[in-house]
């Protein structure tokens, strides 16, 4: 267990028997913890034990407790889940990148012999680059004994949706949602750039006198190369999605249509593709709910989100969980 702070040492006998968040995971009976943030004091059974723990401990202690808590969750869920190799891609600040793919590769390679197990990926991400997302999906499938499963406790947007559709099963809950596959140009959605250009062209046609002003504006924000890239990367997203969908015999004939819909049908990068919408698009047979996999992912999410709440508001940092329970947790500074 993480050592108590100097303040806790001063409490003497009153501090004895204190438990860290990792030692009691039942949300209906949260552990007594160290003094909470915001003057809440050392109240018994606080409503947000992880928030208080983060507020009063250093990063190393937080990571240590998270590792113990996650390992306990996995052990507790073994009877329901079966023999999965469990990895996570949970990061709602940092984008999916080659770094992400490297971390997943390491998690699936160490220790060796994981090919004897199916792979369960807990997926929580707002997206990123489509190339590493495609690699991650194919890697998880290749390393699985027979089945690659994704569990989405909340959001898996854009490039994360690309990861998910390569799985044999996607497990979702009431608040789970995928999103349009909308590649990014820096911080801008590529399709959004294309649509903005179409809007600007329409304005120039409607108001001929404005074309010079609009042209100067475009030259300041976009190059010709970037404009061409937006169109190419969107077409690449369709190709990647189609290749992943083609691995499913039940929807193989519709793979190209589904891929185009996921890239072009939705007008908003943040559009919510919930479980009903996902089943309409992708077919109901492999989009599952009320399963042990999504229940497990939801428990991981609740801890992850509460720790992030504490990190953001108390320490201006955020938690990334990419890999396995032994070495997947990393705490970063929030971007400016």
C-alpha atoms as a PDB file:
ATOM      1  CA  UNK A   1       0.000   0.000   0.000  1.00  0.00           C
ATOM      2  CA  UNK A   2       1.150   3.559  -0.622  1.00  0.00           C
ATOM      3  CA  UNK A   3       2.579   5.162   2.511  1.00  0.00           C
ATOM      4  CA  UNK A   4       0.422   7.705   4.291  1.00  0.00           C
ATOM      5  CA  UNK A   5       1.283  11.381   4.200  1.00  0.00           C
ATOM      6  CA  UNK A   6       2.839  13.284   7.116  1.00  0.00           C
ATOM      7  CA  UNK A   7      -0.619  14.589   7.962  1.00  0.00           C
ATOM      8  CA  UNK A   8      -1.951  11.039   8.150  1.00  0.00           C
ATOM      9  CA  UNK A   9       0.977   9.975  10.351  1.00  0.00           C
ATOM     10  CA  UNK A  10      -0.023  12.681  12.783  1.00  0.00           C
ATOM     11  CA  UNK A  11      -3.442  11.161  13.255  1.00  0.00           C
ATOM     12  CA  UNK A  12      -1.960   8.276  15.207  1.00  0.00           C
ATOM     13  CA  UNK A  13      -4.383   5.531  16.062  1.00  0.00           C
ATOM     14  CA  UNK A  14      -7.134   7.176  14.055  1.00  0.00           C
ATOM     15  CA  UNK A  15      -5.174   6.487  10.857  1.00  0.00           C
ATOM     16  CA  UNK A  16      -4.870   2.769  11.470  1.00  0.00           C
ATOM     17  CA  UNK A  17      -6.955   0.604   9.210  1.00  0.00           C
ATOM     18  CA  UNK A  18      -7.085   3.173   6.427  1.00  0.00           C
ATOM     19  CA  UNK A  19      -7.434   1.537   3.015  1.00  0.00           C
ATOM     20  CA  UNK A  20      -6.304   2.737  -0.378  1.00  0.00           C
ATOM     21  CA  UNK A  21      -8.776   2.868  -3.280  1.00  0.00           C
ATOM     22  CA  UNK A  22      -7.224  -0.262  -4.748  1.00  0.00           C
ATOM     23  CA  UNK A  23      -8.088  -2.322  -1.680  1.00  0.00           C
ATOM     24  CA  UNK A  24     -11.844  -1.789  -1.843  1.00  0.00           C
ATOM     25  CA  UNK A  25     -13.406  -1.440  -5.268  1.00  0.00           C
ATOM     26  CA  UNK A  26     -17.082  -1.629  -4.392  1.00  0.00           C
ATOM     27  CA  UNK A  27     -18.448   1.802  -5.382  1.00  0.00           C
ATOM     28  CA  UNK A  28     -21.404   1.351  -3.024  1.00  0.00           C
ATOM     29  CA  UNK A  29     -18.994   1.174  -0.066  1.00  0.00           C
ATOM     30  CA  UNK A  30     -15.960   3.253  -1.021  1.00  0.00           C
ATOM     31  CA  UNK A  31     -12.849   3.159   1.146  1.00  0.00           C
ATOM     32  CA  UNK A  32     -11.918   5.599   3.833  1.00  0.00           C
ATOM     33  CA  UNK A  33      -9.164   7.665   2.290  1.00  0.00           C
ATOM     34  CA  UNK A  34      -6.848  10.562   2.958  1.00  0.00           C
ATOM     35  CA  UNK A  35      -8.058  14.109   3.373  1.00  0.00           C
ATOM     36  CA  UNK A  36      -9.961  15.226   0.267  1.00  0.00           C
ATOM     37  CA  UNK A  37      -9.474  18.282  -1.873  1.00  0.00           C
ATOM     38  CA  UNK A  38     -11.484  21.434  -1.424  1.00  0.00           C
ATOM     39  CA  UNK A  39     -11.648  21.270   2.357  1.00  0.00           C
ATOM     40  CA  UNK A  40     -13.817  18.153   2.492  1.00  0.00           C
ATOM     41  CA  UNK A  41     -11.729  16.866   5.390  1.00  0.00           C
ATOM     42  CA  UNK A  42     -11.015  13.267   6.305  1.00  0.00           C
ATOM     43  CA  UNK A  43     -14.657  12.220   6.224  1.00  0.00           C
ATOM     44  CA  UNK A  44     -15.444   8.519   6.421  1.00  0.00           C
ATOM     45  CA  UNK A  45     -16.632   6.888   3.192  1.00  0.00           C
ATOM     46  CA  UNK A  46     -16.243   9.923   0.888  1.00  0.00           C
ATOM     47  CA  UNK A  47     -18.212   9.756  -2.376  1.00  0.00           C
ATOM     48  CA  UNK A  48     -15.115  10.130  -4.595  1.00  0.00           C
ATOM     49  CA  UNK A  49     -12.257   8.152  -3.015  1.00  0.00           C
ATOM     50  CA  UNK A  50      -9.963   8.237  -6.052  1.00  0.00           C
ATOM     51  CA  UNK A  51     -10.315  12.014  -6.416  1.00  0.00           C
ATOM     52  CA  UNK A  52      -9.232  12.462  -2.808  1.00  0.00           C
ATOM     53  CA  UNK A  53      -6.394   9.974  -3.169  1.00  0.00           C
ATOM     54  CA  UNK A  54      -5.053  11.791  -6.240  1.00  0.00           C
ATOM     55  CA  UNK A  55      -5.290  15.147  -4.487  1.00  0.00           C
ATOM     56  CA  UNK A  56      -3.137  13.989  -1.574  1.00  0.00           C
ATOM     57  CA  UNK A  57      -0.538  11.705  -3.175  1.00  0.00           C
ATOM     58  CA  UNK A  58       2.233  12.008  -5.733  1.00  0.00           C
ATOM     59  CA  UNK A  59       2.091  10.576  -9.248  1.00  0.00           C
ATOM     60  CA  UNK A  60       4.108   7.466  -8.434  1.00  0.00           C
ATOM     61  CA  UNK A  61       1.694   6.530  -5.656  1.00  0.00           C
ATOM     62  CA  UNK A  62      -1.307   7.102  -7.930  1.00  0.00           C
ATOM     63  CA  UNK A  63       0.146   4.872 -10.660  1.00  0.00           C
ATOM     64  CA  UNK A  64       1.011   2.177  -8.125  1.00  0.00           C
ATOM     65  CA  UNK A  65      -2.538   2.138  -6.745  1.00  0.00           C
ATOM     66  CA  UNK A  66      -4.024   2.106 -10.249  1.00  0.00           C
ATOM     67  CA  UNK A  67      -1.940  -0.925 -11.192  1.00  0.00           C
ATOM     68  CA  UNK A  68      -3.070  -2.767  -8.084  1.00  0.00           C
ATOM     69  CA  UNK A  69      -6.705  -1.775  -8.594  1.00  0.00           C
ATOM     70  CA  UNK A  70      -6.716  -2.866 -12.237  1.00  0.00           C
ATOM     71  CA  UNK A  71      -5.068  -6.195 -11.474  1.00  0.00           C
ATOM     72  CA  UNK A  72      -7.689  -6.751  -8.772  1.00  0.00           C
ATOM     73  CA  UNK A  73     -10.483  -5.972 -11.228  1.00  0.00           C
ATOM     74  CA  UNK A  74      -9.069  -8.441 -13.742  1.00  0.00           C
ATOM     75  CA  UNK A  75      -8.722 -11.146 -11.108  1.00  0.00           C
ATOM     76  CA  UNK A  76     -12.244 -10.507  -9.855  1.00  0.00           C
ATOM     77  CA  UNK A  77     -13.678 -10.717 -13.380  1.00  0.00           C
ATOM     78  CA  UNK A  78     -11.834 -13.852 -14.538  1.00  0.00           C
ATOM     79  CA  UNK A  79     -14.762 -16.199 -13.986  1.00  0.00           C
ATOM     80  CA  UNK A  80     -17.047 -13.992 -16.094  1.00  0.00           C
ATOM     81  CA  UNK A  81     -14.550 -12.944 -18.758  1.00  0.00           C
ATOM     82  CA  UNK A  82     -12.596 -16.101 -19.376  1.00  0.00           C
ATOM     83  CA  UNK A  83      -8.978 -16.271 -20.499  1.00  0.00           C
ATOM     84  CA  UNK A  84      -8.495 -12.963 -22.310  1.00  0.00           C
ATOM     85  CA  UNK A  85      -5.259 -11.116 -22.725  1.00  0.00           C
ATOM     86  CA  UNK A  86      -6.520  -7.695 -21.642  1.00  0.00           C
ATOM     87  CA  UNK A  87      -5.037  -4.485 -23.013  1.00  0.00           C
ATOM     88  CA  UNK A  88      -6.298  -0.919 -22.893  1.00  0.00           C
ATOM     89  CA  UNK A  89      -6.300   2.113 -25.137  1.00  0.00           C
ATOM     90  CA  UNK A  90      -7.793   4.717 -22.827  1.00  0.00           C
ATOM     91  CA  UNK A  91      -6.750   8.300 -23.511  1.00  0.00           C
ATOM     92  CA  UNK A  92      -9.201  11.127 -24.086  1.00  0.00           C
ATOM     93  CA  UNK A  93      -6.554  13.865 -24.447  1.00  0.00           C
ATOM     94  CA  UNK A  94      -3.690  12.457 -26.481  1.00  0.00           C
ATOM     95  CA  UNK A  95      -4.467  11.321 -30.048  1.00  0.00           C
ATOM     96  CA  UNK A  96      -3.903   7.821 -31.400  1.00  0.00           C
ATOM     97  CA  UNK A  97      -0.397   7.873 -32.889  1.00  0.00           C
ATOM     98  CA  UNK A  98       2.580   5.669 -33.678  1.00  0.00           C
ATOM     99  CA  UNK A  99       3.453   5.928 -29.959  1.00  0.00           C
ATOM    100  CA  UNK A 100       0.066   4.388 -29.154  1.00  0.00           C
ATOM    101  CA  UNK A 101       0.668   1.549 -31.597  1.00  0.00           C
ATOM    102  CA  UNK A 102       4.091   0.884 -30.062  1.00  0.00           C
ATOM    103  CA  UNK A 103       2.583   0.679 -26.565  1.00  0.00           C
ATOM    104  CA  UNK A 104      -0.095  -1.779 -27.710  1.00  0.00           C
ATOM    105  CA  UNK A 105       2.532  -3.855 -29.520  1.00  0.00           C
ATOM    106  CA  UNK A 106       4.632  -4.042 -26.341  1.00  0.00           C
ATOM    107  CA  UNK A 107       1.604  -5.043 -24.278  1.00  0.00           C
ATOM    108  CA  UNK A 108       0.729  -7.840 -26.689  1.00  0.00           C
ATOM    109  CA  UNK A 109       4.327  -9.080 -26.911  1.00  0.00           C
ATOM    110  CA  UNK A 110       5.318  -9.136 -23.239  1.00  0.00           C
ATOM    111  CA  UNK A 111       5.220 -11.665 -21.746  1.00  0.00           C
ATOM    112  CA  UNK A 112       5.478 -13.919 -24.788  1.00  0.00           C
ATOM    113  CA  UNK A 113       2.930 -16.655 -25.369  1.00  0.00           C
ATOM    114  CA  UNK A 114      -0.111 -14.387 -25.396  1.00  0.00           C
ATOM    115  CA  UNK A 115      -1.179 -15.876 -28.706  1.00  0.00           C
ATOM    116  CA  UNK A 116      -2.768 -18.659 -26.646  1.00  0.00           C
ATOM    117  CA  UNK A 117      -5.463 -16.187 -25.516  1.00  0.00           C
ATOM    118  CA  UNK A 118      -8.172 -14.130 -27.132  1.00  0.00           C
ATOM    119  CA  UNK A 119      -7.617 -10.362 -26.943  1.00  0.00           C
ATOM    120  CA  UNK A 120      -9.918  -7.917 -25.151  1.00  0.00           C
ATOM    121  CA  UNK A 121      -9.170  -4.255 -25.856  1.00  0.00           C
ATOM    122  CA  UNK A 122     -10.810  -1.661 -23.573  1.00  0.00           C
ATOM    123  CA  UNK A 123     -11.156   1.310 -25.929  1.00  0.00           C
ATOM    124  CA  UNK A 124     -11.722   4.929 -24.907  1.00  0.00           C
ATOM    125  CA  UNK A 125     -10.423   7.594 -27.304  1.00  0.00           C
ATOM    126  CA  UNK A 126     -11.457  10.638 -29.314  1.00  0.00           C
ATOM    127  CA  UNK A 127      -9.414   9.544 -32.314  1.00  0.00           C
ATOM    128  CA  UNK A 128      -6.170  10.495 -33.980  1.00  0.00           C
ATOM    129  CA  UNK A 129      -4.173   9.257 -36.959  1.00  0.00           C
ATOM    130  CA  UNK A 130      -5.819   6.560 -39.055  1.00  0.00           C
ATOM    131  CA  UNK A 131      -2.620   4.720 -40.033  1.00  0.00           C
ATOM    132  CA  UNK A 132      -1.621   3.604 -36.496  1.00  0.00           C
ATOM    133  CA  UNK A 133      -5.288   2.943 -35.699  1.00  0.00           C
ATOM    134  CA  UNK A 134      -5.441   0.508 -38.619  1.00  0.00           C
ATOM    135  CA  UNK A 135      -2.198  -1.123 -37.452  1.00  0.00           C
ATOM    136  CA  UNK A 136      -3.489  -1.485 -33.891  1.00  0.00           C
ATOM    137  CA  UNK A 137      -6.667  -3.184 -35.063  1.00  0.00           C
ATOM    138  CA  UNK A 138      -4.796  -5.621 -37.299  1.00  0.00           C
ATOM    139  CA  UNK A 139      -2.190  -6.306 -34.618  1.00  0.00           C
ATOM    140  CA  UNK A 140      -4.809  -7.176 -31.984  1.00  0.00           C
ATOM    141  CA  UNK A 141      -6.510  -9.532 -34.398  1.00  0.00           C
ATOM    142  CA  UNK A 142      -3.236 -11.178 -35.430  1.00  0.00           C
ATOM    143  CA  UNK A 143      -2.164 -11.734 -31.803  1.00  0.00           C
ATOM    144  CA  UNK A 144      -5.497 -13.219 -30.715  1.00  0.00           C
ATOM    145  CA  UNK A 145      -5.848 -16.990 -30.534  1.00  0.00           C
ATOM    146  CA  UNK A 146      -9.224 -16.920 -32.219  1.00  0.00           C
ATOM    147  CA  UNK A 147     -11.130 -13.788 -31.244  1.00  0.00           C
ATOM    148  CA  UNK A 148     -10.363 -10.086 -30.945  1.00  0.00           C
ATOM    149  CA  UNK A 149     -12.935  -8.207 -28.874  1.00  0.00           C
ATOM    150  CA  UNK A 150     -13.346  -4.471 -28.230  1.00  0.00           C
ATOM    151  CA  UNK A 151     -15.274  -3.076 -25.250  1.00  0.00           C
ATOM    152  CA  UNK A 152     -16.244   0.612 -25.474  1.00  0.00           C
ATOM    153  CA  UNK A 153     -17.331   1.995 -22.073  1.00  0.00           C
ATOM    154  CA  UNK A 154     -18.029   5.497 -23.443  1.00  0.00           C
ATOM    155  CA  UNK A 155     -16.557   7.092 -26.598  1.00  0.00           C
ATOM    156  CA  UNK A 156     -14.453   5.591 -29.372  1.00  0.00           C
ATOM    157  CA  UNK A 157     -14.421   8.269 -32.040  1.00  0.00           C
ATOM    158  CA  UNK A 158     -12.992   8.605 -35.535  1.00  0.00           C
ATOM    159  CA  UNK A 159      -9.695   6.657 -35.661  1.00  0.00           C
ATOM    160  CA  UNK A 160     -10.815   4.754 -32.542  1.00  0.00           C
ATOM    161  CA  UNK A 161     -13.903   3.649 -34.477  1.00  0.00           C
ATOM    162  CA  UNK A 162     -11.510   2.310 -37.113  1.00  0.00           C
ATOM    163  CA  UNK A 163      -9.789   0.261 -34.391  1.00  0.00           C
ATOM    164  CA  UNK A 164     -13.144  -1.076 -33.220  1.00  0.00           C
ATOM    165  CA  UNK A 165     -14.504  -2.213 -36.574  1.00  0.00           C
ATOM    166  CA  UNK A 166     -11.545  -4.550 -37.004  1.00  0.00           C
ATOM    167  CA  UNK A 167     -12.707  -6.577 -34.007  1.00  0.00           C
ATOM    168  CA  UNK A 168     -14.756  -9.755 -34.130  1.00  0.00           C
ATOM    169  CA  UNK A 169     -17.111  -8.256 -31.545  1.00  0.00           C
ATOM    170  CA  UNK A 170     -17.816  -4.739 -30.267  1.00  0.00           C
ATOM    171  CA  UNK A 171     -19.311  -4.647 -26.768  1.00  0.00           C
ATOM    172  CA  UNK A 172     -21.273  -1.487 -25.929  1.00  0.00           C
ATOM    173  CA  UNK A 173     -23.386  -0.125 -23.088  1.00  0.00           C
ATOM    174  CA  UNK A 174     -26.100   2.542 -22.795  1.00  0.00           C
ATOM    175  CA  UNK A 175     -23.587   5.436 -22.990  1.00  0.00           C
ATOM    176  CA  UNK A 176     -21.144   3.807 -25.403  1.00  0.00           C
ATOM    177  CA  UNK A 177     -20.740   5.391 -28.804  1.00  0.00           C
ATOM    178  CA  UNK A 178     -18.616   5.236 -31.906  1.00  0.00           C
ATOM    179  CA  UNK A 179     -18.241   8.119 -34.343  1.00  0.00           C
ATOM    180  CA  UNK A 180     -17.702   8.943 -38.005  1.00  0.00           C
ATOM    181  CA  UNK A 181     -14.232   8.038 -39.263  1.00  0.00           C
ATOM    182  CA  UNK A 182     -13.035  11.596 -39.743  1.00  0.00           C
ATOM    183  CA  UNK A 183      -9.243  11.891 -40.221  1.00  0.00           C
ATOM    184  CA  UNK A 184      -7.501  14.943 -38.808  1.00  0.00           C
ATOM    185  CA  UNK A 185      -5.333  17.622 -40.413  1.00  0.00           C
ATOM    186  CA  UNK A 186      -3.491  18.829 -37.334  1.00  0.00           C
ATOM    187  CA  UNK A 187      -6.369  19.779 -35.046  1.00  0.00           C
ATOM    188  CA  UNK A 188      -8.856  20.108 -37.911  1.00  0.00           C
ATOM    189  CA  UNK A 189     -11.105  17.335 -39.245  1.00  0.00           C
ATOM    190  CA  UNK A 190     -10.172  16.674 -42.876  1.00  0.00           C
ATOM    191  CA  UNK A 191     -13.785  16.411 -44.014  1.00  0.00           C
ATOM    192  CA  UNK A 192     -14.566  19.628 -42.168  1.00  0.00           C
ATOM    193  CA  UNK A 193     -11.864  21.387 -44.179  1.00  0.00           C
ATOM    194  CA  UNK A 194     -13.323  20.058 -47.438  1.00  0.00           C
ATOM    195  CA  UNK A 195     -16.834  21.128 -46.440  1.00  0.00           C
ATOM    196  CA  UNK A 196     -15.538  24.569 -45.422  1.00  0.00           C
ATOM    197  CA  UNK A 197     -13.919  24.958 -48.832  1.00  0.00           C
ATOM    198  CA  UNK A 198     -17.192  24.046 -50.521  1.00  0.00           C
ATOM    199  CA  UNK A 199     -18.980  26.648 -48.400  1.00  0.00           C
ATOM    200  CA  UNK A 200     -16.398  29.310 -49.256  1.00  0.00           C
ATOM    201  CA  UNK A 201     -16.681  28.488 -52.970  1.00  0.00           C
ATOM    202  CA  UNK A 202     -20.456  28.815 -52.766  1.00  0.00           C
ATOM    203  CA  UNK A 203     -20.111  32.202 -51.038  1.00  0.00           C
ATOM    204  CA  UNK A 204     -17.688  33.423 -53.711  1.00  0.00           C
ATOM    205  CA  UNK A 205     -20.152  32.373 -56.409  1.00  0.00           C
ATOM    206  CA  UNK A 206     -23.034  34.077 -54.641  1.00  0.00           C
ATOM    207  CA  UNK A 207     -21.027  37.224 -53.868  1.00  0.00           C
ATOM    208  CA  UNK A 208     -18.487  37.650 -56.704  1.00  0.00           C
ATOM    209  CA  UNK A 209     -16.932  40.697 -55.086  1.00  0.00           C
ATOM    210  CA  UNK A 210     -15.809  38.640 -52.096  1.00  0.00           C
ATOM    211  CA  UNK A 211     -13.578  36.182 -53.956  1.00  0.00           C
ATOM    212  CA  UNK A 212     -10.364  38.196 -53.446  1.00  0.00           C
ATOM    213  CA  UNK A 213     -10.890  38.500 -49.698  1.00  0.00           C
ATOM    214  CA  UNK A 214     -11.760  34.780 -49.399  1.00  0.00           C
ATOM    215  CA  UNK A 215      -8.706  33.839 -51.463  1.00  0.00           C
ATOM    216  CA  UNK A 216      -6.378  35.812 -49.167  1.00  0.00           C
ATOM    217  CA  UNK A 217      -7.958  34.131 -46.151  1.00  0.00           C
ATOM    218  CA  UNK A 218      -7.425  30.635 -47.589  1.00  0.00           C
ATOM    219  CA  UNK A 219      -3.797  31.388 -48.390  1.00  0.00           C
ATOM    220  CA  UNK A 220      -3.193  32.273 -44.739  1.00  0.00           C
ATOM    221  CA  UNK A 221      -4.743  29.118 -43.263  1.00  0.00           C
ATOM    222  CA  UNK A 222      -4.212  26.341 -45.843  1.00  0.00           C
ATOM    223  CA  UNK A 223      -1.725  25.350 -48.498  1.00  0.00           C
ATOM    224  CA  UNK A 224      -2.605  23.682 -51.788  1.00  0.00           C
ATOM    225  CA  UNK A 225      -0.850  20.551 -50.535  1.00  0.00           C
ATOM    226  CA  UNK A 226      -2.990  20.467 -47.386  1.00  0.00           C
ATOM    227  CA  UNK A 227      -6.187  20.818 -49.380  1.00  0.00           C
ATOM    228  CA  UNK A 228      -5.188  17.893 -51.569  1.00  0.00           C
ATOM    229  CA  UNK A 229      -4.209  15.868 -48.502  1.00  0.00           C
ATOM    230  CA  UNK A 230      -7.677  16.290 -46.973  1.00  0.00           C
ATOM    231  CA  UNK A 231      -9.300  14.591 -49.923  1.00  0.00           C
ATOM    232  CA  UNK A 232      -6.707  11.796 -50.146  1.00  0.00           C
ATOM    233  CA  UNK A 233      -6.772  10.975 -46.438  1.00  0.00           C
ATOM    234  CA  UNK A 234     -10.561  10.669 -46.485  1.00  0.00           C
ATOM    235  CA  UNK A 235     -10.351   8.200 -49.359  1.00  0.00           C
ATOM    236  CA  UNK A 236      -7.623   6.316 -47.487  1.00  0.00           C
ATOM    237  CA  UNK A 237      -9.914   6.078 -44.459  1.00  0.00           C
ATOM    238  CA  UNK A 238     -12.512   4.362 -46.648  1.00  0.00           C
ATOM    239  CA  UNK A 239      -9.925   1.874 -47.895  1.00  0.00           C
ATOM    240  CA  UNK A 240      -8.726   1.044 -44.378  1.00  0.00           C
ATOM    241  CA  UNK A 241     -12.277   0.643 -43.082  1.00  0.00           C
ATOM    242  CA  UNK A 242     -13.262  -1.548 -46.003  1.00  0.00           C
ATOM    243  CA  UNK A 243     -10.295  -3.861 -45.460  1.00  0.00           C
ATOM    244  CA  UNK A 244     -11.182  -4.336 -41.803  1.00  0.00           C
ATOM    245  CA  UNK A 245     -14.874  -4.905 -42.527  1.00  0.00           C
ATOM    246  CA  UNK A 246     -14.083  -7.453 -45.238  1.00  0.00           C
ATOM    247  CA  UNK A 247     -12.871  -9.866 -42.556  1.00  0.00           C
ATOM    248  CA  UNK A 248     -16.483 -10.412 -41.431  1.00  0.00           C
ATOM    249  CA  UNK A 249     -18.316 -12.866 -43.724  1.00  0.00           C
ATOM    250  CA  UNK A 250     -21.768 -11.636 -42.693  1.00  0.00           C
ATOM    251  CA  UNK A 251     -21.145  -8.090 -43.978  1.00  0.00           C
ATOM    252  CA  UNK A 252     -18.447  -8.669 -46.596  1.00  0.00           C
ATOM    253  CA  UNK A 253     -20.733  -7.778 -49.495  1.00  0.00           C
ATOM    254  CA  UNK A 254     -21.655  -4.489 -47.829  1.00  0.00           C
ATOM    255  CA  UNK A 255     -18.138  -3.562 -46.650  1.00  0.00           C
ATOM    256  CA  UNK A 256     -17.527  -0.831 -49.210  1.00  0.00           C
ATOM    257  CA  UNK A 257     -20.932   0.792 -48.655  1.00  0.00           C
ATOM    258  CA  UNK A 258     -20.514   0.721 -44.863  1.00  0.00           C
ATOM    259  CA  UNK A 259     -17.011   2.185 -45.098  1.00  0.00           C
ATOM    260  CA  UNK A 260     -18.207   5.091 -47.241  1.00  0.00           C
ATOM    261  CA  UNK A 261     -21.097   5.733 -44.860  1.00  0.00           C
ATOM    262  CA  UNK A 262     -18.774   5.862 -41.860  1.00  0.00           C
ATOM    263  CA  UNK A 263     -16.562   8.415 -43.602  1.00  0.00           C
ATOM    264  CA  UNK A 264     -19.022  10.550 -45.600  1.00  0.00           C
ATOM    265  CA  UNK A 265     -22.562  10.138 -44.286  1.00  0.00           C
ATOM    266  CA  UNK A 266     -22.209  12.126 -41.060  1.00  0.00           C
ATOM    267  CA  UNK A 267     -21.704  15.890 -41.107  1.00  0.00           C
ATOM    268  CA  UNK A 268     -20.345  16.298 -37.574  1.00  0.00           C
ATOM    269  CA  UNK A 269     -17.085  14.837 -36.246  1.00  0.00           C
ATOM    270  CA  UNK A 270     -18.719  14.318 -32.859  1.00  0.00           C
ATOM    271  CA  UNK A 271     -21.868  12.556 -34.080  1.00  0.00           C
ATOM    272  CA  UNK A 272     -22.982   9.873 -31.618  1.00  0.00           C
ATOM    273  CA  UNK A 273     -23.207   6.420 -33.188  1.00  0.00           C
ATOM    274  CA  UNK A 274     -24.801   4.583 -30.281  1.00  0.00           C
ATOM    275  CA  UNK A 275     -25.510   0.882 -30.123  1.00  0.00           C
ATOM    276  CA  UNK A 276     -28.750   1.069 -32.131  1.00  0.00           C
ATOM    277  CA  UNK A 277     -27.120   3.190 -34.835  1.00  0.00           C
ATOM    278  CA  UNK A 278     -24.075   0.905 -34.871  1.00  0.00           C
ATOM    279  CA  UNK A 279     -26.278  -2.131 -35.360  1.00  0.00           C
ATOM    280  CA  UNK A 280     -28.140  -0.410 -38.179  1.00  0.00           C
ATOM    281  CA  UNK A 281     -24.870   0.319 -39.970  1.00  0.00           C
ATOM    282  CA  UNK A 282     -22.734  -2.656 -39.082  1.00  0.00           C
ATOM    283  CA  UNK A 283     -25.214  -5.455 -38.423  1.00  0.00           C
ATOM    284  CA  UNK A 284     -26.566  -6.660 -35.111  1.00  0.00           C
ATOM    285  CA  UNK A 285     -24.743  -9.982 -34.887  1.00  0.00           C
ATOM    286  CA  UNK A 286     -21.395  -8.639 -33.640  1.00  0.00           C
ATOM    287  CA  UNK A 287     -22.472  -5.498 -31.739  1.00  0.00           C
ATOM    288  CA  UNK A 288     -23.225  -6.840 -28.258  1.00  0.00           C
ATOM    289  CA  UNK A 289     -24.608  -5.391 -25.032  1.00  0.00           C
ATOM    290  CA  UNK A 290     -25.250  -6.552 -21.454  1.00  0.00           C
ATOM    291  CA  UNK A 291     -22.064  -8.619 -21.466  1.00  0.00           C
ATOM    292  CA  UNK A 292     -19.330  -9.316 -18.931  1.00  0.00           C
ATOM    293  CA  UNK A 293     -16.893  -7.539 -21.246  1.00  0.00           C
ATOM    294  CA  UNK A 294     -18.723  -4.199 -21.190  1.00  0.00           C
ATOM    295  CA  UNK A 295     -19.376  -4.505 -17.444  1.00  0.00           C
ATOM    296  CA  UNK A 296     -15.638  -4.948 -16.885  1.00  0.00           C
ATOM    297  CA  UNK A 297     -14.776  -2.044 -19.190  1.00  0.00           C
ATOM    298  CA  UNK A 298     -17.247   0.170 -17.357  1.00  0.00           C
ATOM    299  CA  UNK A 299     -15.555  -0.559 -14.032  1.00  0.00           C
ATOM    300  CA  UNK A 300     -12.199   0.363 -15.555  1.00  0.00           C
ATOM    301  CA  UNK A 301     -13.740   3.551 -16.950  1.00  0.00           C
ATOM    302  CA  UNK A 302     -15.191   4.678 -13.600  1.00  0.00           C
ATOM    303  CA  UNK A 303     -11.773   4.532 -11.929  1.00  0.00           C
ATOM    304  CA  UNK A 304     -10.017   6.067 -14.958  1.00  0.00           C
ATOM    305  CA  UNK A 305     -12.434   8.989 -15.129  1.00  0.00           C
ATOM    306  CA  UNK A 306     -12.360   9.764 -11.405  1.00  0.00           C
ATOM    307  CA  UNK A 307      -8.558   9.730 -11.340  1.00  0.00           C
ATOM    308  CA  UNK A 308      -8.542  12.042 -14.365  1.00  0.00           C
ATOM    309  CA  UNK A 309     -10.970  14.368 -12.616  1.00  0.00           C
ATOM    310  CA  UNK A 310      -8.541  14.729  -9.730  1.00  0.00           C
ATOM    311  CA  UNK A 311      -5.515  15.104 -11.968  1.00  0.00           C
ATOM    312  CA  UNK A 312      -7.112  17.769 -14.167  1.00  0.00           C
ATOM    313  CA  UNK A 313      -8.543  19.975 -11.463  1.00  0.00           C
ATOM    314  CA  UNK A 314      -5.912  19.566  -8.760  1.00  0.00           C
ATOM    315  CA  UNK A 315      -2.670  18.982 -10.648  1.00  0.00           C
ATOM    316  CA  UNK A 316      -3.297  20.152 -14.239  1.00  0.00           C
ATOM    317  CA  UNK A 317      -2.352  16.728 -15.546  1.00  0.00           C
ATOM    318  CA  UNK A 318      -4.142  13.811 -17.190  1.00  0.00           C
ATOM    319  CA  UNK A 319      -4.004  10.036 -17.163  1.00  0.00           C
ATOM    320  CA  UNK A 320      -3.246   7.858 -20.162  1.00  0.00           C
ATOM    321  CA  UNK A 321      -3.772   4.090 -19.914  1.00  0.00           C
ATOM    322  CA  UNK A 322      -2.310   2.367 -22.955  1.00  0.00           C
ATOM    323  CA  UNK A 323      -1.034  -1.183 -22.663  1.00  0.00           C
ATOM    324  CA  UNK A 324      -1.442  -3.653 -19.826  1.00  0.00           C
ATOM    325  CA  UNK A 325      -2.006  -3.228 -16.068  1.00  0.00           C
ATOM    326  CA  UNK A 326       1.674  -3.689 -15.249  1.00  0.00           C
ATOM    327  CA  UNK A 327       3.010  -0.719 -17.206  1.00  0.00           C
ATOM    328  CA  UNK A 328       0.158   0.968 -19.055  1.00  0.00           C
ATOM    329  CA  UNK A 329      -0.500   3.972 -16.806  1.00  0.00           C
ATOM    330  CA  UNK A 330       1.289   7.238 -17.568  1.00  0.00           C
ATOM    331  CA  UNK A 331       0.508  10.709 -16.217  1.00  0.00           C
ATOM    332  CA  UNK A 332       1.155  13.684 -18.521  1.00  0.00           C
ATOM    333  CA  UNK A 333       0.897  17.458 -18.203  1.00  0.00           C
ATOM    334  CA  UNK A 334      -2.250  18.870 -19.742  1.00  0.00           C
ATOM    335  CA  UNK A 335      -1.506  20.648 -23.031  1.00  0.00           C
ATOM    336  CA  UNK A 336      -1.589  24.425 -22.941  1.00  0.00           C
END
